[in-house]
Amino acid sequence: MSFKLGVIGGGVMAEAIISRLLEQKIYQADQIQVSEPQTQRREYWQDSYGVGTTDNNGLLFGSCEILLLAIKPQIFSAVVADLAGQNSAHFPRLVISILAGTSLSKLESAFPQCGIIRVMPNTPALVGQGMSAIAPNDKVKEADLNTAQSIFSAIGEVIEVPEYMMDAVTGLSGSGPAFVAMMIEALSDGGVAVGLPRAIATQLALQTVLGTAELIKTKELHPAVLKDQVTSPGGTTIAGVSQLEKNGFRYALIEAVRAAKHRSQELNQG
């Protein structure tokens, strides 16, 4: 039996993508197969989404038109070795990888017969608000690039970038949700520190971050413009901004993105 979309790895990001593809009717359940080693997780996929499942990566590889690699980069070599042991006359026409720090050249070495697209999504994909950067190799046909864009548009926004930018994308949007979550937590802690109940402080912090992002996006404002609009002379906001500057707030975020980018590069070298 053949499938339009085969997925190796049945974790959280794979579920975010597949659930949205099914919800938006981009694929039907009988067009998708997921390869997952854990029996309980395979049963979950079958019960929750009705997709095909297997624990045989090679069987899936030999029966799908498009392969989505949704595994941890640390097991990439083991999965490739498993696939290399399969004597299949069929290869997917397109391989899409969401592995952090795994370059197109490494993917091309593993799948020389296939067009390849490297993608870096992020965790807001779970609620359809993801940001995915995609970088195709020169074997990818326009129709397959459009297919990949449709797949990742189901979980949020998509931008095409040259492959050399992917480690930087990983450092910013791939790791960025953790940095934003820490900021929200810190704002909530600040509210508690000045006397607010935790639930109220968290609600205020969440909506402030959400609303600010939406305002900047909708009005197409430079963040500095909004900051200046809120910061009145001698007011409360400039007092807080001064403390952020004193404690290296912006520098800390810049260095966090830089460190995450460097780690992505290390993963590729490893």
C-alpha atoms as a PDB file:
ATOM      1  CA  MET A   1       0.000   0.000   0.000  1.00  0.00           C
ATOM      2  CA  SER A   2       1.298   3.465  -0.850  1.00  0.00           C
ATOM      3  CA  PHE A   3       0.835   6.686   1.100  1.00  0.00           C
ATOM      4  CA  LYS A   4       1.054  10.292   0.018  1.00  0.00           C
ATOM      5  CA  LEU A   5       2.766  11.321   3.274  1.00  0.00           C
ATOM      6  CA  GLY A   6       5.000   9.137   5.413  1.00  0.00           C
ATOM      7  CA  VAL A   7       6.286  10.410   8.745  1.00  0.00           C
ATOM      8  CA  ILE A   8       9.193   8.940  10.667  1.00  0.00           C
ATOM      9  CA  GLY A   9       8.775   9.992  14.276  1.00  0.00           C
ATOM     10  CA  GLY A  10       5.426  10.274  16.038  1.00  0.00           C
ATOM     11  CA  GLY A  11       6.210  12.967  18.599  1.00  0.00           C
ATOM     12  CA  VAL A  12       4.703  16.321  19.491  1.00  0.00           C
ATOM     13  CA  MET A  13       5.710  18.264  16.379  1.00  0.00           C
ATOM     14  CA  ALA A  14       4.593  15.465  14.065  1.00  0.00           C
ATOM     15  CA  GLU A  15       1.231  15.468  15.830  1.00  0.00           C
ATOM     16  CA  ALA A  16       0.928  19.250  15.522  1.00  0.00           C
ATOM     17  CA  ILE A  17       1.516  19.044  11.778  1.00  0.00           C
ATOM     18  CA  ILE A  18      -0.641  16.007  11.036  1.00  0.00           C
ATOM     19  CA  SER A  19      -3.573  17.117  13.192  1.00  0.00           C
ATOM     20  CA  ARG A  20      -3.749  20.424  11.320  1.00  0.00           C
ATOM     21  CA  LEU A  21      -3.359  18.730   7.916  1.00  0.00           C
ATOM     22  CA  LEU A  22      -6.317  16.500   8.714  1.00  0.00           C
ATOM     23  CA  GLU A  23      -8.375  19.322  10.221  1.00  0.00           C
ATOM     24  CA  GLN A  24      -7.883  21.466   7.124  1.00  0.00           C
ATOM     25  CA  LYS A  25      -8.446  18.477   4.811  1.00  0.00           C
ATOM     26  CA  ILE A  26      -5.094  18.908   3.086  1.00  0.00           C
ATOM     27  CA  TYR A  27      -4.659  15.143   3.554  1.00  0.00           C
ATOM     28  CA  GLN A  28      -7.075  12.381   4.493  1.00  0.00           C
ATOM     29  CA  ALA A  29      -6.183   9.940   7.252  1.00  0.00           C
ATOM     30  CA  ASP A  30      -5.777   7.054   4.807  1.00  0.00           C
ATOM     31  CA  GLN A  31      -3.137   9.049   2.914  1.00  0.00           C
ATOM     32  CA  ILE A  32      -0.798   9.244   5.920  1.00  0.00           C
ATOM     33  CA  GLN A  33       1.377   6.667   7.661  1.00  0.00           C
ATOM     34  CA  VAL A  34       3.467   7.258  10.786  1.00  0.00           C
ATOM     35  CA  SER A  35       6.468   5.156  11.779  1.00  0.00           C
ATOM     36  CA  GLU A  36       6.803   5.075  15.556  1.00  0.00           C
ATOM     37  CA  PRO A  37       8.709   2.499  17.683  1.00  0.00           C
ATOM     38  CA  GLN A  38       6.473   2.670  20.771  1.00  0.00           C
ATOM     39  CA  THR A  39       3.396   0.442  20.650  1.00  0.00           C
ATOM     40  CA  GLN A  40       1.368   2.688  22.939  1.00  0.00           C
ATOM     41  CA  ARG A  41       2.121   5.718  20.813  1.00  0.00           C
ATOM     42  CA  ARG A  42       1.147   3.874  17.610  1.00  0.00           C
ATOM     43  CA  GLU A  43      -2.175   2.931  19.199  1.00  0.00           C
ATOM     44  CA  TYR A  44      -2.678   6.566  20.158  1.00  0.00           C
ATOM     45  CA  TRP A  45      -2.141   7.648  16.557  1.00  0.00           C
ATOM     46  CA  GLN A  46      -4.595   5.059  15.265  1.00  0.00           C
ATOM     47  CA  ASP A  47      -7.257   5.861  17.866  1.00  0.00           C
ATOM     48  CA  SER A  48      -6.917   9.641  17.731  1.00  0.00           C
ATOM     49  CA  TYR A  49      -6.349  10.293  14.029  1.00  0.00           C
ATOM     50  CA  GLY A  50      -7.056   7.081  12.125  1.00  0.00           C
ATOM     51  CA  VAL A  51      -3.764   7.225  10.223  1.00  0.00           C
ATOM     52  CA  GLY A  52      -1.724   4.182   9.285  1.00  0.00           C
ATOM     53  CA  THR A  53       1.115   3.212  11.604  1.00  0.00           C
ATOM     54  CA  THR A  54       4.172   0.987  11.506  1.00  0.00           C
ATOM     55  CA  ASP A  55       7.353   0.360  13.460  1.00  0.00           C
ATOM     56  CA  ASN A  56       9.258  -0.384  10.244  1.00  0.00           C
ATOM     57  CA  ASN A  57      11.011   2.711   8.891  1.00  0.00           C
ATOM     58  CA  GLY A  58      12.093   0.905   5.743  1.00  0.00           C
ATOM     59  CA  LEU A  59       8.549  -0.217   4.930  1.00  0.00           C
ATOM     60  CA  LEU A  60       7.322   3.344   5.247  1.00  0.00           C
ATOM     61  CA  PHE A  61      10.238   4.722   3.217  1.00  0.00           C
ATOM     62  CA  GLY A  62       9.438   2.355   0.377  1.00  0.00           C
ATOM     63  CA  SER A  63       5.753   3.205   0.238  1.00  0.00           C
ATOM     64  CA  CYS A  64       5.375   6.993   0.524  1.00  0.00           C
ATOM     65  CA  GLU A  65       5.513   9.825  -1.995  1.00  0.00           C
ATOM     66  CA  ILE A  66       6.681  12.415   0.522  1.00  0.00           C
ATOM     67  CA  LEU A  67       8.719  11.595   3.620  1.00  0.00           C
ATOM     68  CA  LEU A  68       8.671  13.855   6.667  1.00  0.00           C
ATOM     69  CA  LEU A  69      11.553  13.291   9.070  1.00  0.00           C
ATOM     70  CA  ALA A  70      10.350  14.297  12.537  1.00  0.00           C
ATOM     71  CA  ILE A  71      12.987  12.634  14.725  1.00  0.00           C
ATOM     72  CA  LYS A  72      15.608  13.942  17.127  1.00  0.00           C
ATOM     73  CA  PRO A  73      18.803  14.918  15.293  1.00  0.00           C
ATOM     74  CA  GLN A  74      20.815  12.702  17.635  1.00  0.00           C
ATOM     75  CA  ILE A  75      19.252   9.541  16.105  1.00  0.00           C
ATOM     76  CA  PHE A  76      19.445  10.679  12.475  1.00  0.00           C
ATOM     77  CA  SER A  77      22.452   8.475  11.668  1.00  0.00           C
ATOM     78  CA  ALA A  78      20.794   5.404  13.164  1.00  0.00           C
ATOM     79  CA  VAL A  79      17.605   5.969  11.172  1.00  0.00           C
ATOM     80  CA  VAL A  80      19.561   6.507   7.947  1.00  0.00           C
ATOM     81  CA  ALA A  81      21.519   3.306   8.581  1.00  0.00           C
ATOM     82  CA  ASP A  82      18.228   1.470   9.088  1.00  0.00           C
ATOM     83  CA  LEU A  83      16.875   2.806   5.792  1.00  0.00           C
ATOM     84  CA  ALA A  84      20.105   1.991   3.953  1.00  0.00           C
ATOM     85  CA  GLY A  85      19.597  -1.659   4.858  1.00  0.00           C
ATOM     86  CA  GLN A  86      16.309  -1.773   2.976  1.00  0.00           C
ATOM     87  CA  ASN A  87      16.283  -3.098  -0.592  1.00  0.00           C
ATOM     88  CA  SER A  88      13.534  -0.905  -1.925  1.00  0.00           C
ATOM     89  CA  ALA A  89      13.170   0.031  -5.573  1.00  0.00           C
ATOM     90  CA  HIS A  90      10.931   2.939  -4.564  1.00  0.00           C
ATOM     91  CA  PHE A  91      12.114   6.189  -3.042  1.00  0.00           C
ATOM     92  CA  PRO A  92      10.049   9.196  -1.942  1.00  0.00           C
ATOM     93  CA  ARG A  93      10.248  11.976  -4.499  1.00  0.00           C
ATOM     94  CA  LEU A  94      10.615  14.485  -1.654  1.00  0.00           C
ATOM     95  CA  VAL A  95      12.163  14.335   1.822  1.00  0.00           C
ATOM     96  CA  ILE A  96      11.215  17.079   4.287  1.00  0.00           C
ATOM     97  CA  SER A  97      13.368  17.340   7.416  1.00  0.00           C
ATOM     98  CA  ILE A  98      12.477  19.282  10.564  1.00  0.00           C
ATOM     99  CA  LEU A  99      15.683  18.207  12.329  1.00  0.00           C
ATOM    100  CA  ALA A 100      17.561  21.023  14.036  1.00  0.00           C
ATOM    101  CA  GLY A 101      21.188  21.392  12.999  1.00  0.00           C
ATOM    102  CA  THR A 102      20.999  18.874  10.138  1.00  0.00           C
ATOM    103  CA  SER A 103      22.232  20.488   6.929  1.00  0.00           C
ATOM    104  CA  LEU A 104      21.032  19.933   3.388  1.00  0.00           C
ATOM    105  CA  SER A 105      24.415  18.426   2.511  1.00  0.00           C
ATOM    106  CA  LYS A 106      24.048  15.824   5.262  1.00  0.00           C
ATOM    107  CA  LEU A 107      20.504  15.073   4.147  1.00  0.00           C
ATOM    108  CA  GLU A 108      21.604  14.839   0.505  1.00  0.00           C
ATOM    109  CA  SER A 109      24.264  12.297   1.453  1.00  0.00           C
ATOM    110  CA  ALA A 110      21.596  10.188   3.100  1.00  0.00           C
ATOM    111  CA  PHE A 111      18.948  10.598   0.367  1.00  0.00           C
ATOM    112  CA  PRO A 112      20.778  11.264  -2.919  1.00  0.00           C
ATOM    113  CA  GLN A 113      17.821  10.168  -5.046  1.00  0.00           C
ATOM    114  CA  CYS A 114      15.355  12.643  -3.521  1.00  0.00           C
ATOM    115  CA  GLY A 115      14.510  16.303  -3.579  1.00  0.00           C
ATOM    116  CA  ILE A 116      15.057  17.651  -0.070  1.00  0.00           C
ATOM    117  CA  ILE A 117      13.592  20.531   1.916  1.00  0.00           C
ATOM    118  CA  ARG A 118      14.980  21.514   5.275  1.00  0.00           C
ATOM    119  CA  VAL A 119      12.401  23.113   7.586  1.00  0.00           C
ATOM    120  CA  MET A 120      12.610  24.733  11.006  1.00  0.00           C
ATOM    121  CA  PRO A 121       9.136  25.028  12.593  1.00  0.00           C
ATOM    122  CA  ASN A 122       8.521  26.044  16.201  1.00  0.00           C
ATOM    123  CA  THR A 123       6.229  24.956  19.018  1.00  0.00           C
ATOM    124  CA  PRO A 124       3.424  27.524  18.510  1.00  0.00           C
ATOM    125  CA  ALA A 125       2.577  25.188  15.626  1.00  0.00           C
ATOM    126  CA  LEU A 126       0.620  23.260  18.270  1.00  0.00           C
ATOM    127  CA  VAL A 127      -2.049  25.990  18.181  1.00  0.00           C
ATOM    128  CA  GLY A 128      -1.678  26.898  14.504  1.00  0.00           C
ATOM    129  CA  GLN A 129       0.514  29.922  15.229  1.00  0.00           C
ATOM    130  CA  GLY A 130       3.884  28.486  14.229  1.00  0.00           C
ATOM    131  CA  MET A 131       6.677  30.053  12.244  1.00  0.00           C
ATOM    132  CA  SER A 132       8.372  27.756   9.743  1.00  0.00           C
ATOM    133  CA  ALA A 133      11.432  28.604   7.653  1.00  0.00           C
ATOM    134  CA  ILE A 134      12.048  26.349   4.646  1.00  0.00           C
ATOM    135  CA  ALA A 135      15.140  25.838   2.495  1.00  0.00           C
ATOM    136  CA  PRO A 136      14.927  23.530  -0.554  1.00  0.00           C
ATOM    137  CA  ASN A 137      17.816  21.971  -2.451  1.00  0.00           C
ATOM    138  CA  ASP A 138      18.132  22.307  -6.223  1.00  0.00           C
ATOM    139  CA  LYS A 139      16.388  18.973  -6.904  1.00  0.00           C
ATOM    140  CA  VAL A 140      13.070  20.195  -5.520  1.00  0.00           C
ATOM    141  CA  LYS A 141      10.460  20.873  -8.180  1.00  0.00           C
ATOM    142  CA  GLU A 142       8.180  23.871  -7.895  1.00  0.00           C
ATOM    143  CA  ALA A 143       5.126  21.668  -7.352  1.00  0.00           C
ATOM    144  CA  ASP A 144       6.825  19.927  -4.413  1.00  0.00           C
ATOM    145  CA  LEU A 145       7.936  23.246  -2.940  1.00  0.00           C
ATOM    146  CA  ASN A 146       4.322  24.394  -3.118  1.00  0.00           C
ATOM    147  CA  THR A 147       3.251  21.177  -1.392  1.00  0.00           C
ATOM    148  CA  ALA A 148       5.723  21.780   1.428  1.00  0.00           C
ATOM    149  CA  GLN A 149       4.498  25.346   1.801  1.00  0.00           C
ATOM    150  CA  SER A 150       0.918  24.061   2.031  1.00  0.00           C
ATOM    151  CA  ILE A 151       1.901  21.545   4.705  1.00  0.00           C
ATOM    152  CA  PHE A 152       3.566  24.122   6.920  1.00  0.00           C
ATOM    153  CA  SER A 153       1.030  26.861   6.228  1.00  0.00           C
ATOM    154  CA  ALA A 154      -1.390  24.549   8.048  1.00  0.00           C
ATOM    155  CA  ILE A 155       0.496  25.231  11.288  1.00  0.00           C
ATOM    156  CA  GLY A 156       1.207  28.937  10.871  1.00  0.00           C
ATOM    157  CA  GLU A 157       3.331  31.223   8.723  1.00  0.00           C
ATOM    158  CA  VAL A 158       6.006  30.078   6.261  1.00  0.00           C
ATOM    159  CA  ILE A 159       9.055  31.884   4.938  1.00  0.00           C
ATOM    160  CA  GLU A 160      11.624  30.610   2.445  1.00  0.00           C
ATOM    161  CA  VAL A 161      15.247  31.365   3.317  1.00  0.00           C
ATOM    162  CA  PRO A 162      18.632  30.368   1.912  1.00  0.00           C
ATOM    163  CA  GLU A 163      20.031  27.340   3.706  1.00  0.00           C
ATOM    164  CA  TYR A 164      22.940  29.219   5.263  1.00  0.00           C
ATOM    165  CA  MET A 165      20.420  31.114   7.424  1.00  0.00           C
ATOM    166  CA  MET A 166      18.854  28.009   8.971  1.00  0.00           C
ATOM    167  CA  ASP A 167      21.072  27.848  12.055  1.00  0.00           C
ATOM    168  CA  ALA A 168      20.244  31.489  12.768  1.00  0.00           C
ATOM    169  CA  VAL A 169      16.538  30.739  12.251  1.00  0.00           C
ATOM    170  CA  THR A 170      16.878  27.883  14.736  1.00  0.00           C
ATOM    171  CA  GLY A 171      18.449  30.246  17.273  1.00  0.00           C
ATOM    172  CA  LEU A 172      15.690  32.831  16.899  1.00  0.00           C
ATOM    173  CA  SER A 173      12.326  31.263  16.079  1.00  0.00           C
ATOM    174  CA  GLY A 174      13.158  27.635  16.876  1.00  0.00           C
ATOM    175  CA  SER A 175      14.441  28.349  20.386  1.00  0.00           C
ATOM    176  CA  GLY A 176      12.644  31.665  20.808  1.00  0.00           C
ATOM    177  CA  PRO A 177       9.409  30.287  22.310  1.00  0.00           C
ATOM    178  CA  ALA A 178      11.413  29.187  25.369  1.00  0.00           C
ATOM    179  CA  PHE A 179      12.866  32.680  25.720  1.00  0.00           C
ATOM    180  CA  VAL A 180       9.419  34.269  25.418  1.00  0.00           C
ATOM    181  CA  ALA A 181       7.999  31.794  27.952  1.00  0.00           C
ATOM    182  CA  MET A 182      10.735  32.772  30.398  1.00  0.00           C
ATOM    183  CA  MET A 183       9.895  36.441  29.861  1.00  0.00           C
ATOM    184  CA  ILE A 184       6.208  35.778  30.550  1.00  0.00           C
ATOM    185  CA  GLU A 185       7.114  33.842  33.678  1.00  0.00           C
ATOM    186  CA  ALA A 186       9.382  36.679  34.835  1.00  0.00           C
ATOM    187  CA  LEU A 187       6.676  39.293  34.206  1.00  0.00           C
ATOM    188  CA  SER A 188       4.249  37.182  36.228  1.00  0.00           C
ATOM    189  CA  ASP A 189       6.823  36.859  39.014  1.00  0.00           C
ATOM    190  CA  GLY A 190       7.237  40.628  38.922  1.00  0.00           C
ATOM    191  CA  GLY A 191       3.493  41.050  39.351  1.00  0.00           C
ATOM    192  CA  VAL A 192       3.522  38.715  42.355  1.00  0.00           C
ATOM    193  CA  ALA A 193       6.499  40.628  43.784  1.00  0.00           C
ATOM    194  CA  VAL A 194       4.490  43.853  43.771  1.00  0.00           C
ATOM    195  CA  GLY A 195       1.411  42.273  45.370  1.00  0.00           C
ATOM    196  CA  LEU A 196      -0.703  40.674  42.626  1.00  0.00           C
ATOM    197  CA  PRO A 197      -2.197  37.190  43.022  1.00  0.00           C
ATOM    198  CA  ARG A 198      -0.435  34.667  40.781  1.00  0.00           C
ATOM    199  CA  ALA A 199      -3.443  33.962  38.562  1.00  0.00           C
ATOM    200  CA  ILE A 200      -4.036  37.655  37.900  1.00  0.00           C
ATOM    201  CA  ALA A 201      -0.333  38.328  37.335  1.00  0.00           C
ATOM    202  CA  THR A 202      -0.097  35.504  34.806  1.00  0.00           C
ATOM    203  CA  GLN A 203      -3.229  36.604  32.942  1.00  0.00           C
ATOM    204  CA  LEU A 204      -1.907  40.165  32.750  1.00  0.00           C
ATOM    205  CA  ALA A 205       1.505  38.991  31.532  1.00  0.00           C
ATOM    206  CA  LEU A 206       0.091  36.629  28.905  1.00  0.00           C
ATOM    207  CA  GLN A 207      -2.335  39.106  27.388  1.00  0.00           C
ATOM    208  CA  THR A 208       0.241  41.901  27.471  1.00  0.00           C
ATOM    209  CA  VAL A 209       2.705  39.809  25.424  1.00  0.00           C
ATOM    210  CA  LEU A 210       0.003  38.500  23.081  1.00  0.00           C
ATOM    211  CA  GLY A 211      -1.579  41.900  22.549  1.00  0.00           C
ATOM    212  CA  THR A 212       1.728  43.671  22.024  1.00  0.00           C
ATOM    213  CA  ALA A 213       2.826  41.163  19.377  1.00  0.00           C
ATOM    214  CA  GLU A 214      -0.511  41.464  17.575  1.00  0.00           C
ATOM    215  CA  LEU A 215      -0.378  45.278  17.690  1.00  0.00           C
ATOM    216  CA  ILE A 216       3.143  45.411  16.260  1.00  0.00           C
ATOM    217  CA  LYS A 217       2.224  42.917  13.536  1.00  0.00           C
ATOM    218  CA  THR A 218      -1.142  44.429  12.582  1.00  0.00           C
ATOM    219  CA  LYS A 219       0.038  48.038  12.562  1.00  0.00           C
ATOM    220  CA  GLU A 220       3.404  47.097  11.037  1.00  0.00           C
ATOM    221  CA  LEU A 221       5.232  49.030  13.748  1.00  0.00           C
ATOM    222  CA  HIS A 222       8.915  48.848  14.491  1.00  0.00           C
ATOM    223  CA  PRO A 223       9.124  47.576  18.083  1.00  0.00           C
ATOM    224  CA  ALA A 224      11.080  50.680  19.082  1.00  0.00           C
ATOM    225  CA  VAL A 225       8.221  52.882  17.871  1.00  0.00           C
ATOM    226  CA  LEU A 226       5.724  51.146  20.140  1.00  0.00           C
ATOM    227  CA  LYS A 227       8.194  51.279  23.021  1.00  0.00           C
ATOM    228  CA  ASP A 228       8.546  55.039  22.539  1.00  0.00           C
ATOM    229  CA  GLN A 229       4.772  55.478  22.335  1.00  0.00           C
ATOM    230  CA  VAL A 230       4.327  53.808  25.714  1.00  0.00           C
ATOM    231  CA  THR A 231       7.289  55.574  27.339  1.00  0.00           C
ATOM    232  CA  SER A 232       6.211  59.015  28.511  1.00  0.00           C
ATOM    233  CA  PRO A 233       8.700  61.509  30.009  1.00  0.00           C
ATOM    234  CA  GLY A 234       9.404  60.820  33.674  1.00  0.00           C
ATOM    235  CA  GLY A 235       6.766  58.090  33.748  1.00  0.00           C
ATOM    236  CA  THR A 236       6.511  54.559  35.016  1.00  0.00           C
ATOM    237  CA  THR A 237       7.585  52.828  31.806  1.00  0.00           C
ATOM    238  CA  ILE A 238      10.886  54.672  31.428  1.00  0.00           C
ATOM    239  CA  ALA A 239      11.694  53.748  35.019  1.00  0.00           C
ATOM    240  CA  GLY A 240      11.201  50.102  34.146  1.00  0.00           C
ATOM    241  CA  VAL A 241      13.054  50.395  30.820  1.00  0.00           C
ATOM    242  CA  SER A 242      16.016  51.911  32.655  1.00  0.00           C
ATOM    243  CA  GLN A 243      16.182  48.872  34.913  1.00  0.00           C
ATOM    244  CA  LEU A 244      16.017  46.513  31.952  1.00  0.00           C
ATOM    245  CA  GLU A 245      18.893  48.355  30.301  1.00  0.00           C
ATOM    246  CA  LYS A 246      20.877  48.394  33.532  1.00  0.00           C
ATOM    247  CA  ASN A 247      20.521  44.624  33.865  1.00  0.00           C
ATOM    248  CA  GLY A 248      21.374  43.793  30.257  1.00  0.00           C
ATOM    249  CA  PHE A 249      17.922  42.619  29.152  1.00  0.00           C
ATOM    250  CA  ARG A 250      18.430  43.127  25.425  1.00  0.00           C
ATOM    251  CA  TYR A 251      22.002  41.886  25.506  1.00  0.00           C
ATOM    252  CA  ALA A 252      20.878  38.700  27.284  1.00  0.00           C
ATOM    253  CA  LEU A 253      18.311  37.946  24.564  1.00  0.00           C
ATOM    254  CA  ILE A 254      20.791  38.668  21.776  1.00  0.00           C
ATOM    255  CA  GLU A 255      23.313  36.315  23.355  1.00  0.00           C
ATOM    256  CA  ALA A 256      20.645  33.636  23.903  1.00  0.00           C
ATOM    257  CA  VAL A 257      19.862  33.638  20.168  1.00  0.00           C
ATOM    258  CA  ARG A 258      23.576  33.575  19.365  1.00  0.00           C
ATOM    259  CA  ALA A 259      24.190  30.620  21.715  1.00  0.00           C
ATOM    260  CA  ALA A 260      21.257  28.671  20.276  1.00  0.00           C
ATOM    261  CA  LYS A 261      22.549  29.287  16.747  1.00  0.00           C
ATOM    262  CA  HIS A 262      26.005  28.017  17.710  1.00  0.00           C
ATOM    263  CA  ARG A 263      24.487  24.895  19.268  1.00  0.00           C
ATOM    264  CA  SER A 264      22.603  24.235  16.024  1.00  0.00           C
ATOM    265  CA  GLN A 265      25.910  24.427  14.170  1.00  0.00           C
ATOM    266  CA  GLU A 266      27.483  22.000  16.659  1.00  0.00           C
ATOM    267  CA  LEU A 267      24.667  19.502  16.121  1.00  0.00           C
ATOM    268  CA  ASN A 268      25.326  19.558  12.396  1.00  0.00           C
ATOM    269  CA  GLN A 269      29.052  19.003  12.902  1.00  0.00           C
ATOM    270  CA  GLY A 270      28.365  16.164  15.306  1.00  0.00           C
END
